Each structure stands twice: as structure tokens, then as C-alpha cells.
Amino acid sequence: MGGLFLALALCRTRQLQFDTRRRLLLRTSRWPLGRRAVSISYAQLTPPDIEQRESEEGPYYLVRLGVQGARPMQLGAFDTLAEAEHWC
């Protein structure tokens, strides 16, 4: 049980860096036992889109960035559509 709680406390975090000079997106994940970095070419990216989801408090909006051949990355969640569109 202690190992489970330790793993949850040290769960991965993600960081995205846009390298405009080399036209790459660097996605870094930090795990309890190390780091993992993946480079994604700008050619593999699709334009960001907005997805509406429902919760008990009402709708919220996710900004997603598509990557060809992979699941879309969720970049942020917003309370209003206007905020999501502005960020997008």
C-alpha cells in the first residue's frame, strides 16, 4: 500500500517546449526513476482544437493539440469557451 501512495506522489509531470528554430516540439516526462524526452516535428502537429466536456458544475473546455499517429495532447482546461478560444 505504501508503494502505491509513493508512486502516486511521484507521478509524472510533463513539459512542452516549442523550438521554433529547429521546428520541433520537445515533450519531456519526469518519472520517479528518470526522465523521458520525445521530439515531435512540427509537420506531425495538427492545429489545436477545443473539446467541450461536462461535469457536475457544468461544461468546461479543453484545448487539445493533435499529433499524427498519437493521441492528442491536452494543453489546458478552461471554464468558458471564450477563454479557450483566446488561448487556442
Protein backbone atom coordinates (compact mmCIF):
# COMPACT_ATOMS: atom_id res chain seq x y z
CA MET A 1 0.00 0.00 0.00
CA GLY A 2 2.85 2.35 0.81
CA GLY A 3 4.40 1.73 -2.62
CA LEU A 4 1.15 2.71 -4.31
CA PHE A 5 0.96 6.01 -2.43
CA LEU A 6 4.63 6.70 -3.14
CA ALA A 7 4.10 6.11 -6.86
CA LEU A 8 1.07 8.42 -6.84
CA ALA A 9 3.05 11.13 -5.06
CA LEU A 10 5.86 10.88 -7.59
CA CYS A 11 3.69 10.56 -10.71
CA ARG A 12 4.98 12.00 -13.93
CA THR A 13 4.82 15.62 -14.91
CA ARG A 14 5.03 16.86 -18.47
CA GLN A 15 6.67 19.85 -20.04
CA LEU A 16 6.36 21.08 -23.64
CA GLN A 17 8.98 23.26 -25.30
CA PHE A 18 8.47 24.73 -28.77
CA ASP A 19 11.80 25.04 -30.59
CA THR A 20 10.93 27.36 -33.49
CA ARG A 21 14.48 27.41 -34.85
CA ARG A 22 14.62 23.63 -35.38
CA ARG A 23 10.82 23.34 -35.84
CA LEU A 24 10.49 20.72 -33.11
CA LEU A 25 8.27 20.23 -30.10
CA LEU A 26 10.13 18.64 -27.19
CA ARG A 27 7.87 16.73 -24.77
CA THR A 28 9.60 15.82 -21.51
CA SER A 29 8.07 13.46 -18.94
CA ARG A 30 9.56 13.03 -15.49
CA TRP A 31 9.00 9.70 -13.79
CA PRO A 32 10.11 8.58 -10.34
CA LEU A 33 13.05 6.68 -11.90
CA GLY A 34 14.15 9.17 -14.57
CA ARG A 35 13.25 11.44 -17.47
CA ARG A 36 11.98 10.72 -20.95
CA ALA A 37 12.23 13.24 -23.78
CA VAL A 38 10.49 12.88 -27.15
CA SER A 39 10.99 15.20 -30.13
CA ILE A 40 8.00 15.80 -32.40
CA SER A 41 8.37 17.53 -35.75
CA TYR A 42 6.08 20.47 -36.46
CA ALA A 43 4.98 18.58 -39.60
CA GLN A 44 3.34 15.96 -37.34
CA LEU A 45 1.24 18.53 -35.46
CA THR A 46 -2.32 19.44 -36.35
CA PRO A 47 -3.92 22.78 -35.43
CA PRO A 48 -5.23 22.99 -31.87
CA ASP A 49 -8.93 22.39 -31.31
CA ILE A 50 -11.39 22.80 -28.47
CA GLU A 51 -13.40 19.97 -26.94
CA GLN A 52 -16.34 20.55 -24.62
CA ARG A 53 -16.81 18.23 -21.65
CA GLU A 54 -19.48 18.11 -18.98
CA SER A 55 -19.09 17.96 -15.21
CA GLU A 56 -21.42 18.35 -12.24
CA GLU A 57 -20.64 22.08 -12.16
CA GLY A 58 -21.40 22.48 -15.88
CA PRO A 59 -19.41 22.45 -19.10
CA TYR A 60 -15.69 23.07 -19.37
CA TYR A 61 -13.45 23.31 -22.41
CA LEU A 62 -10.19 21.51 -23.24
CA VAL A 63 -7.60 22.83 -25.68
CA ARG A 64 -6.03 19.89 -27.48
CA LEU A 65 -3.07 19.68 -29.84
CA GLY A 66 -3.18 16.79 -32.29
CA VAL A 67 -0.16 14.69 -33.21
CA GLN A 68 -0.32 12.40 -36.24
CA GLY A 69 -0.13 8.77 -35.16
CA ALA A 70 -0.67 9.53 -31.45
CA ARG A 71 -3.38 10.64 -29.05
CA PRO A 72 -3.99 14.39 -28.84
CA MET A 73 -2.25 16.25 -26.04
CA GLN A 74 -4.48 18.19 -23.68
CA LEU A 75 -2.87 21.58 -23.14
CA GLY A 76 -5.33 23.23 -20.79
CA ALA A 77 -8.85 23.34 -19.37
CA PHE A 78 -10.97 26.50 -19.23
CA ASP A 79 -14.29 27.46 -17.67
CA THR A 80 -15.54 29.45 -20.65
CA LEU A 81 -15.42 28.94 -24.37
CA ALA A 82 -14.10 32.49 -24.86
CA GLU A 83 -11.05 31.75 -22.66
CA ALA A 84 -10.33 28.53 -24.55
CA GLU A 85 -10.66 30.25 -27.93
CA HIS A 86 -8.37 33.08 -26.83
CA TRP A 87 -5.69 30.62 -25.68
CA CYS A 88 -6.13 28.49 -28.80
